[in-house]
Amino acid sequence: MLADSDMQPSVQKLVGNVAQDALVYLNEESCHTDAFTEPVTGVLKALNELKQEFPPSIVDRGILQEAITKSSARVTLKRQRYAETV
């Protein structure tokens, strides 16, 4: 006869199942770096240096402003999806 512990799944199997089930909630949009709010001083410094190499006219100001406007919504959505997944 099987003991109760023989009929219960292992902790490793349960963790594996949860991880597998969570993958459907982690789509590409929720993992993109455009939604991260951590400080990235090295990246910002490199971008500023790179910006000096190109004329200002190369940047489409309309697209830049739209990206800036949407970034707040992306951060909010990323945090919401993270909280729901966890």
PDB file of N, CA and C in Angstrom:
ATOM      1  N   MET A   1       0.838  -1.170   0.000  1.00  0.00           N
ATOM      2  CA  MET A   1       0.000   0.000   0.000  1.00  0.00           C
ATOM      3  C   MET A   1       0.889   1.242   0.000  1.00  0.00           C
ATOM      4  N   LEU A   2       0.468   2.278  -0.693  1.00  0.00           N
ATOM      5  CA  LEU A   2       1.236   3.510  -0.786  1.00  0.00           C
ATOM      6  C   LEU A   2       0.994   4.393   0.422  1.00  0.00           C
ATOM      7  N   ALA A   3       2.063   5.006   0.893  1.00  0.00           N
ATOM      8  CA  ALA A   3       1.939   5.967   1.987  1.00  0.00           C
ATOM      9  C   ALA A   3       1.441   7.289   1.422  1.00  0.00           C
ATOM     10  N   ASP A   4       0.931   8.173   2.308  1.00  0.00           N
ATOM     11  CA  ASP A   4       0.441   9.478   1.874  1.00  0.00           C
ATOM     12  C   ASP A   4       1.519  10.260   1.125  1.00  0.00           C
ATOM     13  N   SER A   5       2.760  10.175   1.590  1.00  0.00           N
ATOM     14  CA  SER A   5       3.841  10.925   0.955  1.00  0.00           C
ATOM     15  C   SER A   5       4.137  10.418  -0.450  1.00  0.00           C
ATOM     16  N   ASP A   6       3.825   9.151  -0.750  1.00  0.00           N
ATOM     17  CA  ASP A   6       4.053   8.605  -2.084  1.00  0.00           C
ATOM     18  C   ASP A   6       3.057   9.158  -3.099  1.00  0.00           C
ATOM     19  N   MET A   7       1.895   9.604  -2.636  1.00  0.00           N
ATOM     20  CA  MET A   7       0.857  10.091  -3.532  1.00  0.00           C
ATOM     21  C   MET A   7       0.949  11.608  -3.735  1.00  0.00           C
ATOM     22  N   GLN A   8       1.728  12.288  -2.939  1.00  0.00           N
ATOM     23  CA  GLN A   8       1.850  13.733  -3.066  1.00  0.00           C
ATOM     24  C   GLN A   8       3.022  14.059  -3.983  1.00  0.00           C
ATOM     25  N   PRO A   9       2.833  15.064  -4.851  1.00  0.00           N
ATOM     26  CA  PRO A   9       3.950  15.429  -5.735  1.00  0.00           C
ATOM     27  C   PRO A   9       5.094  16.056  -4.940  1.00  0.00           C
ATOM     28  N   SER A  10       6.286  15.944  -5.482  1.00  0.00           N
ATOM     29  CA  SER A  10       7.460  16.516  -4.810  1.00  0.00           C
ATOM     30  C   SER A  10       7.433  18.037  -4.904  1.00  0.00           C
ATOM     31  N   VAL A  11       8.174  18.666  -4.016  1.00  0.00           N
ATOM     32  CA  VAL A  11       8.285  20.121  -4.029  1.00  0.00           C
ATOM     33  C   VAL A  11       8.874  20.579  -5.364  1.00  0.00           C
ATOM     34  N   GLN A  12       9.873  19.860  -5.852  1.00  0.00           N
ATOM     35  CA  GLN A  12      10.495  20.217  -7.119  1.00  0.00           C
ATOM     36  C   GLN A  12       9.480  20.181  -8.259  1.00  0.00           C
ATOM     37  N   LYS A  13       8.613  19.181  -8.251  1.00  0.00           N
ATOM     38  CA  LYS A  13       7.603  19.064  -9.299  1.00  0.00           C
ATOM     39  C   LYS A  13       6.596  20.207  -9.186  1.00  0.00           C
ATOM     40  N   LEU A  14       6.188  20.552  -7.973  1.00  0.00           N
ATOM     41  CA  LEU A  14       5.253  21.660  -7.789  1.00  0.00           C
ATOM     42  C   LEU A  14       5.865  22.985  -8.253  1.00  0.00           C
ATOM     43  N   VAL A  15       7.122  23.225  -7.896  1.00  0.00           N
ATOM     44  CA  VAL A  15       7.801  24.446  -8.326  1.00  0.00           C
ATOM     45  C   VAL A  15       7.910  24.468  -9.849  1.00  0.00           C
ATOM     46  N   GLY A  16       8.239  23.341 -10.425  1.00  0.00           N
ATOM     47  CA  GLY A  16       8.323  23.249 -11.886  1.00  0.00           C
ATOM     48  C   GLY A  16       6.997  23.547 -12.550  1.00  0.00           C
ATOM     49  N   ASN A  17       5.924  23.040 -11.981  1.00  0.00           N
ATOM     50  CA  ASN A  17       4.589  23.297 -12.533  1.00  0.00           C
ATOM     51  C   ASN A  17       4.221  24.766 -12.441  1.00  0.00           C
ATOM     52  N   VAL A  18       4.503  25.383 -11.302  1.00  0.00           N
ATOM     53  CA  VAL A  18       4.201  26.815 -11.134  1.00  0.00           C
ATOM     54  C   VAL A  18       5.017  27.632 -12.135  1.00  0.00           C
ATOM     55  N   ALA A  19       6.294  27.312 -12.270  1.00  0.00           N
ATOM     56  CA  ALA A  19       7.147  28.043 -13.211  1.00  0.00           C
ATOM     57  C   ALA A  19       6.635  27.886 -14.638  1.00  0.00           C
ATOM     58  N   GLN A  20       6.228  26.681 -15.003  1.00  0.00           N
ATOM     59  CA  GLN A  20       5.705  26.428 -16.347  1.00  0.00           C
ATOM     60  C   GLN A  20       4.401  27.190 -16.573  1.00  0.00           C
ATOM     61  N   ASP A  21       3.525  27.182 -15.585  1.00  0.00           N
ATOM     62  CA  ASP A  21       2.243  27.884 -15.703  1.00  0.00           C
ATOM     63  C   ASP A  21       2.428  29.395 -15.770  1.00  0.00           C
ATOM     64  N   ALA A  22       3.452  29.917 -15.121  1.00  0.00           N
ATOM     65  CA  ALA A  22       3.679  31.365 -15.092  1.00  0.00           C
ATOM     66  C   ALA A  22       4.196  31.892 -16.427  1.00  0.00           C
ATOM     67  N   LEU A  23       4.787  31.038 -17.236  1.00  0.00           N
ATOM     68  CA  LEU A  23       5.366  31.491 -18.503  1.00  0.00           C
ATOM     69  C   LEU A  23       4.343  32.151 -19.418  1.00  0.00           C
ATOM     70  N   VAL A  24       3.099  31.702 -19.382  1.00  0.00           N
ATOM     71  CA  VAL A  24       2.091  32.298 -20.261  1.00  0.00           C
ATOM     72  C   VAL A  24       1.808  33.751 -19.906  1.00  0.00           C
ATOM     73  N   TYR A  25       2.114  34.151 -18.672  1.00  0.00           N
ATOM     74  CA  TYR A  25       1.872  35.524 -18.245  1.00  0.00           C
ATOM     75  C   TYR A  25       3.065  36.444 -18.494  1.00  0.00           C
ATOM     76  N   LEU A  26       4.197  35.861 -18.850  1.00  0.00           N
ATOM     77  CA  LEU A  26       5.408  36.652 -19.086  1.00  0.00           C
ATOM     78  C   LEU A  26       5.632  36.805 -20.588  1.00  0.00           C
ATOM     79  N   ASN A  27       4.850  37.660 -21.212  1.00  0.00           N
ATOM     80  CA  ASN A  27       5.037  37.879 -22.636  1.00  0.00           C
ATOM     81  C   ASN A  27       6.202  38.827 -22.877  1.00  0.00           C
ATOM     82  N   GLU A  28       6.538  39.001 -24.124  1.00  0.00           N
ATOM     83  CA  GLU A  28       7.706  39.812 -24.474  1.00  0.00           C
ATOM     84  C   GLU A  28       7.598  41.239 -23.949  1.00  0.00           C
ATOM     85  N   GLU A  29       6.407  41.821 -24.030  1.00  0.00           N
ATOM     86  CA  GLU A  29       6.234  43.214 -23.626  1.00  0.00           C
ATOM     87  C   GLU A  29       6.533  43.427 -22.143  1.00  0.00           C
ATOM     88  N   SER A  30       6.222  42.429 -21.316  1.00  0.00           N
ATOM     89  CA  SER A  30       6.438  42.608 -19.881  1.00  0.00           C
ATOM     90  C   SER A  30       7.893  42.422 -19.482  1.00  0.00           C
ATOM     91  N   CYS A  31       8.725  41.945 -20.389  1.00  0.00           N
ATOM     92  CA  CYS A  31      10.131  41.700 -20.073  1.00  0.00           C
ATOM     93  C   CYS A  31      11.077  42.697 -20.728  1.00  0.00           C
ATOM     94  N   HIS A  32      10.577  43.574 -21.560  1.00  0.00           N
ATOM     95  CA  HIS A  32      11.429  44.528 -22.268  1.00  0.00           C
ATOM     96  C   HIS A  32      12.112  45.497 -21.317  1.00  0.00           C
ATOM     97  N   THR A  33      13.288  45.914 -21.686  1.00  0.00           N
ATOM     98  CA  THR A  33      14.043  46.839 -20.843  1.00  0.00           C
ATOM     99  C   THR A  33      13.497  48.256 -20.869  1.00  0.00           C
ATOM    100  N   ASP A  34      12.598  48.569 -21.815  1.00  0.00           N
ATOM    101  CA  ASP A  34      12.069  49.933 -21.859  1.00  0.00           C
ATOM    102  C   ASP A  34      11.157  50.230 -20.681  1.00  0.00           C
ATOM    103  N   ALA A  35      10.846  49.230 -19.884  1.00  0.00           N
ATOM    104  CA  ALA A  35       9.969  49.429 -18.739  1.00  0.00           C
ATOM    105  C   ALA A  35      10.732  49.404 -17.413  1.00  0.00           C
ATOM    106  N   PHE A  36      12.029  49.274 -17.459  1.00  0.00           N
ATOM    107  CA  PHE A  36      12.791  49.241 -16.222  1.00  0.00           C
ATOM    108  C   PHE A  36      13.030  50.647 -15.702  1.00  0.00           C
ATOM    109  N   THR A  37      12.930  50.792 -14.406  1.00  0.00           N
ATOM    110  CA  THR A  37      13.095  52.113 -13.803  1.00  0.00           C
ATOM    111  C   THR A  37      14.363  52.212 -12.959  1.00  0.00           C
ATOM    112  N   GLU A  38      15.177  51.170 -12.961  1.00  0.00           N
ATOM    113  CA  GLU A  38      16.401  51.195 -12.181  1.00  0.00           C
ATOM    114  C   GLU A  38      17.372  52.213 -12.777  1.00  0.00           C
ATOM    115  N   PRO A  39      18.236  52.780 -11.947  1.00  0.00           N
ATOM    116  CA  PRO A  39      19.210  53.734 -12.477  1.00  0.00           C
ATOM    117  C   PRO A  39      20.219  53.030 -13.391  1.00  0.00           C
ATOM    118  N   VAL A  40      20.479  53.625 -14.521  1.00  0.00           N
ATOM    119  CA  VAL A  40      21.429  53.064 -15.489  1.00  0.00           C
ATOM    120  C   VAL A  40      22.394  54.182 -15.908  1.00  0.00           C
ATOM    121  N   THR A  41      23.155  54.663 -14.950  1.00  0.00           N
ATOM    122  CA  THR A  41      24.015  55.815 -15.193  1.00  0.00           C
ATOM    123  C   THR A  41      25.033  55.570 -16.308  1.00  0.00           C
ATOM    124  N   GLY A  42      25.584  54.376 -16.371  1.00  0.00           N
ATOM    125  CA  GLY A  42      26.555  54.070 -17.425  1.00  0.00           C
ATOM    126  C   GLY A  42      25.926  54.115 -18.809  1.00  0.00           C
ATOM    127  N   VAL A  43      24.726  53.598 -18.925  1.00  0.00           N
ATOM    128  CA  VAL A  43      24.028  53.611 -20.207  1.00  0.00           C
ATOM    129  C   VAL A  43      23.677  55.042 -20.602  1.00  0.00           C
ATOM    130  N   LEU A  44      23.186  55.821 -19.643  1.00  0.00           N
ATOM    131  CA  LEU A  44      22.844  57.211 -19.933  1.00  0.00           C
ATOM    132  C   LEU A  44      24.072  58.019 -20.348  1.00  0.00           C
ATOM    133  N   LYS A  45      25.192  57.758 -19.700  1.00  0.00           N
ATOM    134  CA  LYS A  45      26.429  58.455 -20.057  1.00  0.00           C
ATOM    135  C   LYS A  45      26.844  58.091 -21.482  1.00  0.00           C
ATOM    136  N   ALA A  46      26.767  56.806 -21.820  1.00  0.00           N
ATOM    137  CA  ALA A  46      27.123  56.359 -23.170  1.00  0.00           C
ATOM    138  C   ALA A  46      26.178  56.962 -24.210  1.00  0.00           C
ATOM    139  N   LEU A  47      24.894  57.048 -23.883  1.00  0.00           N
ATOM    140  CA  LEU A  47      23.936  57.649 -24.808  1.00  0.00           C
ATOM    141  C   LEU A  47      24.226  59.132 -25.034  1.00  0.00           C
ATOM    142  N   ASN A  48      24.559  59.831 -23.956  1.00  0.00           N
ATOM    143  CA  ASN A  48      24.894  61.250 -24.094  1.00  0.00           C
ATOM    144  C   ASN A  48      26.138  61.452 -24.951  1.00  0.00           C
ATOM    145  N   GLU A  49      27.127  60.589 -24.791  1.00  0.00           N
ATOM    146  CA  GLU A  49      28.333  60.677 -25.608  1.00  0.00           C
ATOM    147  C   GLU A  49      28.014  60.362 -27.071  1.00  0.00           C
ATOM    148  N   LEU A  50      27.179  59.363 -27.280  1.00  0.00           N
ATOM    149  CA  LEU A  50      26.781  58.994 -28.636  1.00  0.00           C
ATOM    150  C   LEU A  50      25.961  60.109 -29.294  1.00  0.00           C
ATOM    151  N   LYS A  51      25.146  60.770 -28.498  1.00  0.00           N
ATOM    152  CA  LYS A  51      24.315  61.868 -28.988  1.00  0.00           C
ATOM    153  C   LYS A  51      25.173  62.993 -29.578  1.00  0.00           C
ATOM    154  N   GLN A  52      26.362  63.186 -29.027  1.00  0.00           N
ATOM    155  CA  GLN A  52      27.266  64.233 -29.520  1.00  0.00           C
ATOM    156  C   GLN A  52      27.774  63.941 -30.934  1.00  0.00           C
ATOM    157  N   GLU A  53      27.711  62.679 -31.327  1.00  0.00           N
ATOM    158  CA  GLU A  53      28.226  62.274 -32.641  1.00  0.00           C
ATOM    159  C   GLU A  53      27.227  62.499 -33.777  1.00  0.00           C
ATOM    160  N   PHE A  54      25.963  62.773 -33.451  1.00  0.00           N
ATOM    161  CA  PHE A  54      24.928  62.924 -34.465  1.00  0.00           C
ATOM    162  C   PHE A  54      24.298  64.304 -34.387  1.00  0.00           C
ATOM    163  N   PRO A  55      23.892  64.842 -35.530  1.00  0.00           N
ATOM    164  CA  PRO A  55      23.212  66.144 -35.501  1.00  0.00           C
ATOM    165  C   PRO A  55      21.823  66.002 -34.876  1.00  0.00           C
ATOM    166  N   PRO A  56      21.341  67.024 -34.174  1.00  0.00           N
ATOM    167  CA  PRO A  56      20.026  66.953 -33.528  1.00  0.00           C
ATOM    168  C   PRO A  56      18.886  66.678 -34.505  1.00  0.00           C
ATOM    169  N   SER A  57      19.070  67.055 -35.759  1.00  0.00           N
ATOM    170  CA  SER A  57      17.998  66.863 -36.742  1.00  0.00           C
ATOM    171  C   SER A  57      17.730  65.393 -37.064  1.00  0.00           C
ATOM    172  N   ILE A  58      18.633  64.513 -36.675  1.00  0.00           N
ATOM    173  CA  ILE A  58      18.457  63.092 -36.980  1.00  0.00           C
ATOM    174  C   ILE A  58      17.372  62.453 -36.107  1.00  0.00           C
ATOM    175  N   VAL A  59      17.067  63.073 -34.982  1.00  0.00           N
ATOM    176  CA  VAL A  59      16.066  62.536 -34.054  1.00  0.00           C
ATOM    177  C   VAL A  59      14.693  63.102 -34.405  1.00  0.00           C
ATOM    178  N   ASP A  60      13.744  62.221 -34.627  1.00  0.00           N
ATOM    179  CA  ASP A  60      12.366  62.637 -34.883  1.00  0.00           C
ATOM    180  C   ASP A  60      11.737  62.994 -33.536  1.00  0.00           C
ATOM    181  N   ARG A  61      11.521  64.266 -33.294  1.00  0.00           N
ATOM    182  CA  ARG A  61      11.019  64.749 -32.001  1.00  0.00           C
ATOM    183  C   ARG A  61       9.625  64.213 -31.684  1.00  0.00           C
ATOM    184  N   GLY A  62       8.797  64.017 -32.694  1.00  0.00           N
ATOM    185  CA  GLY A  62       7.447  63.474 -32.481  1.00  0.00           C
ATOM    186  C   GLY A  62       7.490  62.057 -31.934  1.00  0.00           C
ATOM    187  N   ILE A  63       8.335  61.230 -32.551  1.00  0.00           N
ATOM    188  CA  ILE A  63       8.477  59.847 -32.093  1.00  0.00           C
ATOM    189  C   ILE A  63       9.100  59.813 -30.707  1.00  0.00           C
ATOM    190  N   LEU A  64      10.104  60.659 -30.474  1.00  0.00           N
ATOM    191  CA  LEU A  64      10.738  60.715 -29.157  1.00  0.00           C
ATOM    192  C   LEU A  64       9.725  61.087 -28.086  1.00  0.00           C
ATOM    193  N   GLN A  65       8.907  62.097 -28.338  1.00  0.00           N
ATOM    194  CA  GLN A  65       7.909  62.530 -27.355  1.00  0.00           C
ATOM    195  C   GLN A  65       6.868  61.439 -27.110  1.00  0.00           C
ATOM    196  N   GLU A  66       6.476  60.750 -28.170  1.00  0.00           N
ATOM    197  CA  GLU A  66       5.502  59.656 -28.015  1.00  0.00           C
ATOM    198  C   GLU A  66       6.081  58.536 -27.157  1.00  0.00           C
ATOM    199  N   ALA A  67       7.350  58.212 -27.370  1.00  0.00           N
ATOM    200  CA  ALA A  67       8.010  57.173 -26.572  1.00  0.00           C
ATOM    201  C   ALA A  67       8.086  57.578 -25.108  1.00  0.00           C
ATOM    202  N   ILE A  68       8.422  58.829 -24.858  1.00  0.00           N
ATOM    203  CA  ILE A  68       8.498  59.323 -23.475  1.00  0.00           C
ATOM    204  C   ILE A  68       7.124  59.256 -22.813  1.00  0.00           C
ATOM    205  N   THR A  69       6.102  59.647 -23.544  1.00  0.00           N
ATOM    206  CA  THR A  69       4.733  59.632 -23.016  1.00  0.00           C
ATOM    207  C   THR A  69       4.289  58.213 -22.673  1.00  0.00           C
ATOM    208  N   LYS A  70       4.622  57.259 -23.531  1.00  0.00           N
ATOM    209  CA  LYS A  70       4.174  55.879 -23.331  1.00  0.00           C
ATOM    210  C   LYS A  70       4.994  55.135 -22.280  1.00  0.00           C
ATOM    211  N   SER A  71       6.180  55.625 -21.962  1.00  0.00           N
ATOM    212  CA  SER A  71       7.037  54.885 -21.037  1.00  0.00           C
ATOM    213  C   SER A  71       6.401  54.734 -19.657  1.00  0.00           C
ATOM    214  N   SER A  72       5.693  55.742 -19.189  1.00  0.00           N
ATOM    215  CA  SER A  72       5.047  55.658 -17.878  1.00  0.00           C
ATOM    216  C   SER A  72       4.004  54.543 -17.849  1.00  0.00           C
ATOM    217  N   ALA A  73       3.216  54.459 -18.903  1.00  0.00           N
ATOM    218  CA  ALA A  73       2.203  53.395 -18.980  1.00  0.00           C
ATOM    219  C   ALA A  73       2.863  52.020 -19.052  1.00  0.00           C
ATOM    220  N   ARG A  74       3.983  51.924 -19.744  1.00  0.00           N
ATOM    221  CA  ARG A  74       4.693  50.639 -19.848  1.00  0.00           C
ATOM    222  C   ARG A  74       5.225  50.196 -18.487  1.00  0.00           C
ATOM    223  N   VAL A  75       5.766  51.138 -17.728  1.00  0.00           N
ATOM    224  CA  VAL A  75       6.277  50.810 -16.398  1.00  0.00           C
ATOM    225  C   VAL A  75       5.140  50.336 -15.507  1.00  0.00           C
ATOM    226  N   THR A  76       4.018  51.037 -15.543  1.00  0.00           N
ATOM    227  CA  THR A  76       2.857  50.658 -14.729  1.00  0.00           C
ATOM    228  C   THR A  76       2.373  49.257 -15.113  1.00  0.00           C
ATOM    229  N   LEU A  77       2.262  48.999 -16.404  1.00  0.00           N
ATOM    230  CA  LEU A  77       1.808  47.687 -16.873  1.00  0.00           C
ATOM    231  C   LEU A  77       2.791  46.594 -16.475  1.00  0.00           C
ATOM    232  N   LYS A  78       4.090  46.869 -16.584  1.00  0.00           N
ATOM    233  CA  LYS A  78       5.099  45.871 -16.204  1.00  0.00           C
ATOM    234  C   LYS A  78       4.990  45.533 -14.723  1.00  0.00           C
ATOM    235  N   ARG A  79       4.840  46.559 -13.884  1.00  0.00           N
ATOM    236  CA  ARG A  79       4.715  46.317 -12.447  1.00  0.00           C
ATOM    237  C   ARG A  79       3.443  45.534 -12.131  1.00  0.00           C
ATOM    238  N   GLN A  80       2.361  45.858 -12.810  1.00  0.00           N
ATOM    239  CA  GLN A  80       1.094  45.147 -12.597  1.00  0.00           C
ATOM    240  C   GLN A  80       1.231  43.681 -12.987  1.00  0.00           C
ATOM    241  N   ARG A  81       1.815  43.408 -14.144  1.00  0.00           N
ATOM    242  CA  ARG A  81       1.988  42.021 -14.584  1.00  0.00           C
ATOM    243  C   ARG A  81       2.933  41.259 -13.663  1.00  0.00           C
ATOM    244  N   TYR A  82       3.959  41.925 -13.196  1.00  0.00           N
ATOM    245  CA  TYR A  82       4.892  41.286 -12.267  1.00  0.00           C
ATOM    246  C   TYR A  82       4.160  40.898 -10.986  1.00  0.00           C
ATOM    247  N   ALA A  83       3.363  41.832 -10.441  1.00  0.00           N
ATOM    248  CA  ALA A  83       2.630  41.555  -9.201  1.00  0.00           C
ATOM    249  C   ALA A  83       1.629  40.425  -9.401  1.00  0.00           C
ATOM    250  N   GLU A  84       0.947  40.413 -10.533  1.00  0.00           N
ATOM    251  CA  GLU A  84      -0.019  39.345 -10.803  1.00  0.00           C
ATOM    252  C   GLU A  84       0.666  37.988 -10.953  1.00  0.00           C
ATOM    253  N   THR A  85       1.841  37.992 -11.585  1.00  0.00           N
ATOM    254  CA  THR A  85       2.559  36.736 -11.813  1.00  0.00           C
ATOM    255  C   THR A  85       3.124  36.191 -10.504  1.00  0.00           C
ATOM    256  N   VAL A  86       3.685  37.078  -9.695  1.00  0.00           N
ATOM    257  CA  VAL A  86       4.273  36.643  -8.428  1.00  0.00           C
ATOM    258  C   VAL A  86       3.164  36.270  -7.468  1.00  0.00           C
TER     259      VAL A  86
END
